[in-house]
Amino acid sequence: MKDLLDDIDRWHAAGLRVAVARVVDIEGSGPRDPGAAMAVNEHGEVAGSVSGGCVEGAVVGEALAVLAGEAPARIVSFGYSDDDAFAVGLTCGGTIRLFIEPLEW
C-alpha cells in the first residue's frame, strides 16, 4: 500500500476520485499475497498490482464501477474455475478475493 501513496496523493491534489482494491484472501495458489493493493483513479489510471497482470483489467473495471456508483464497496472473487477468471488470465489454480472501495477524503 505504501507504494501507492505518491500516486494517490497526486490524484487527490488533482481532485480525482480514487478506488482501492486490496487482496483480502487467497485459496490455493495466488499471484499476490493478502495485503497487495492497487489504486485506480476515475480516468482509469492504475498504481500497484493485485495479480501481477492476470486480472488487473477486470479489477480496473470493478473499481471504475464502484467510483461511478454502479456498485457499492464490495468483495469480488476471481478463481481458476470461474469463466471470467480464465478469460482474464488467472491460471494460477487458486482463488483471490479483493475488497474494492472508494477512498473518502
Protein backbone atom coordinates (compact mmCIF):
# COMPACT_ATOMS: atom_id res chain seq x y z
CA MET A 1 0.00 0.00 0.00
CA LYS A 2 2.86 2.41 0.75
CA ASP A 3 3.92 2.13 -2.91
CA LEU A 4 0.62 3.73 -3.90
CA LEU A 5 0.74 6.78 -1.66
CA ASP A 6 2.59 9.08 -4.06
CA ASP A 7 0.13 8.38 -6.86
CA ILE A 8 -2.87 8.65 -4.54
CA ASP A 9 -1.59 11.97 -3.17
CA ARG A 10 -1.06 13.30 -6.70
CA TRP A 11 -4.53 12.21 -7.80
CA HIS A 12 -6.09 13.69 -4.67
CA ALA A 13 -4.32 17.01 -5.29
CA ALA A 14 -5.77 16.96 -8.82
CA GLY A 15 -9.27 16.43 -7.42
CA LEU A 16 -9.69 12.93 -8.82
CA ARG A 17 -11.78 10.22 -7.21
CA VAL A 18 -9.89 7.03 -6.37
CA ALA A 19 -10.83 3.44 -5.55
CA VAL A 20 -8.52 0.96 -3.85
CA ALA A 21 -8.59 -2.81 -4.38
CA ARG A 22 -6.85 -4.99 -1.79
CA VAL A 23 -6.23 -8.72 -1.75
CA VAL A 24 -8.00 -9.91 1.39
CA ASP A 25 -7.87 -13.68 0.90
CA ILE A 26 -6.43 -16.37 -1.33
CA GLU A 27 -7.29 -20.03 -1.62
CA GLY A 28 -4.72 -22.31 -3.18
CA SER A 29 -2.09 -20.66 -5.33
CA GLY A 30 -2.39 -16.92 -5.81
CA PRO A 31 -0.34 -14.37 -7.70
CA ARG A 32 -0.09 -11.91 -4.77
CA ASP A 33 -0.37 -12.29 -1.01
CA PRO A 34 -3.11 -10.69 1.08
CA GLY A 35 -2.38 -7.01 1.54
CA ALA A 36 -1.34 -6.42 -2.07
CA ALA A 37 -3.14 -3.32 -3.32
CA MET A 38 -3.98 -1.41 -6.46
CA ALA A 39 -5.40 2.10 -6.77
CA VAL A 40 -7.47 3.25 -9.73
CA ASN A 41 -8.49 6.83 -10.42
CA GLU A 42 -11.66 7.90 -12.22
CA HIS A 43 -9.73 8.16 -15.52
CA GLY A 44 -8.64 4.53 -15.28
CA GLU A 45 -5.03 5.25 -14.33
CA VAL A 46 -3.57 2.49 -12.17
CA ALA A 47 -0.94 2.25 -9.45
CA GLY A 48 0.11 -1.02 -7.84
CA SER A 49 -0.91 -4.58 -8.60
CA VAL A 50 -3.15 -7.25 -7.12
CA SER A 51 -2.39 -10.08 -9.51
CA GLY A 52 0.78 -9.43 -11.44
CA GLY A 53 -1.28 -8.69 -14.52
CA CYS A 54 -3.62 -11.64 -14.84
CA VAL A 55 -6.83 -9.96 -13.60
CA GLU A 56 -5.79 -6.32 -13.45
CA GLY A 57 -8.09 -5.28 -16.32
CA ALA A 58 -11.13 -6.83 -14.68
CA VAL A 59 -10.23 -5.20 -11.35
CA VAL A 60 -9.95 -1.79 -13.05
CA GLY A 61 -13.46 -2.31 -14.44
CA GLU A 62 -14.78 -3.23 -10.98
CA ALA A 63 -13.07 -0.20 -9.41
CA LEU A 64 -14.48 2.15 -12.06
CA ALA A 65 -17.97 0.72 -11.42
CA VAL A 66 -17.54 1.48 -7.71
CA LEU A 67 -16.43 5.04 -8.50
CA ALA A 68 -19.35 5.54 -10.89
CA GLY A 69 -21.79 4.46 -8.19
CA GLU A 70 -22.84 1.42 -10.20
CA ALA A 71 -21.72 -0.87 -7.40
CA PRO A 72 -21.07 -0.44 -3.68
CA ALA A 73 -17.77 -1.19 -1.98
CA ARG A 74 -17.60 -4.95 -2.02
CA ILE A 75 -15.62 -8.15 -2.15
CA VAL A 76 -15.06 -9.70 -5.57
CA SER A 77 -13.52 -13.09 -6.31
CA PHE A 78 -11.55 -14.47 -9.22
CA GLY A 79 -10.75 -18.16 -9.39
CA TYR A 80 -9.31 -20.59 -11.86
CA SER A 81 -12.64 -22.38 -12.28
CA ASP A 82 -14.52 -19.13 -12.94
CA ASP A 83 -15.08 -18.50 -16.65
CA ASP A 84 -14.36 -14.80 -16.07
CA ALA A 85 -11.08 -15.55 -14.30
CA PHE A 86 -9.94 -17.86 -17.08
CA ALA A 87 -10.93 -15.25 -19.66
CA VAL A 88 -8.77 -12.61 -17.96
CA GLY A 89 -5.89 -14.99 -17.41
CA LEU A 90 -5.98 -16.17 -13.78
CA THR A 91 -4.48 -19.57 -14.44
CA CYS A 92 -2.51 -19.98 -11.21
CA GLY A 93 -5.05 -22.50 -9.95
CA GLY A 94 -6.28 -20.59 -6.93
CA THR A 95 -8.90 -18.05 -5.99
CA ILE A 96 -8.24 -14.47 -4.94
CA ARG A 97 -10.70 -12.24 -3.09
CA LEU A 98 -10.40 -8.48 -3.32
CA PHE A 99 -12.09 -5.75 -1.32
CA ILE A 100 -12.75 -2.74 -3.55
CA GLU A 101 -13.78 0.56 -2.03
CA PRO A 102 -13.72 4.25 -2.92
CA LEU A 103 -11.35 6.41 -0.93
CA GLU A 104 -13.13 9.04 1.10
CA TRP A 105 -11.02 12.13 1.60
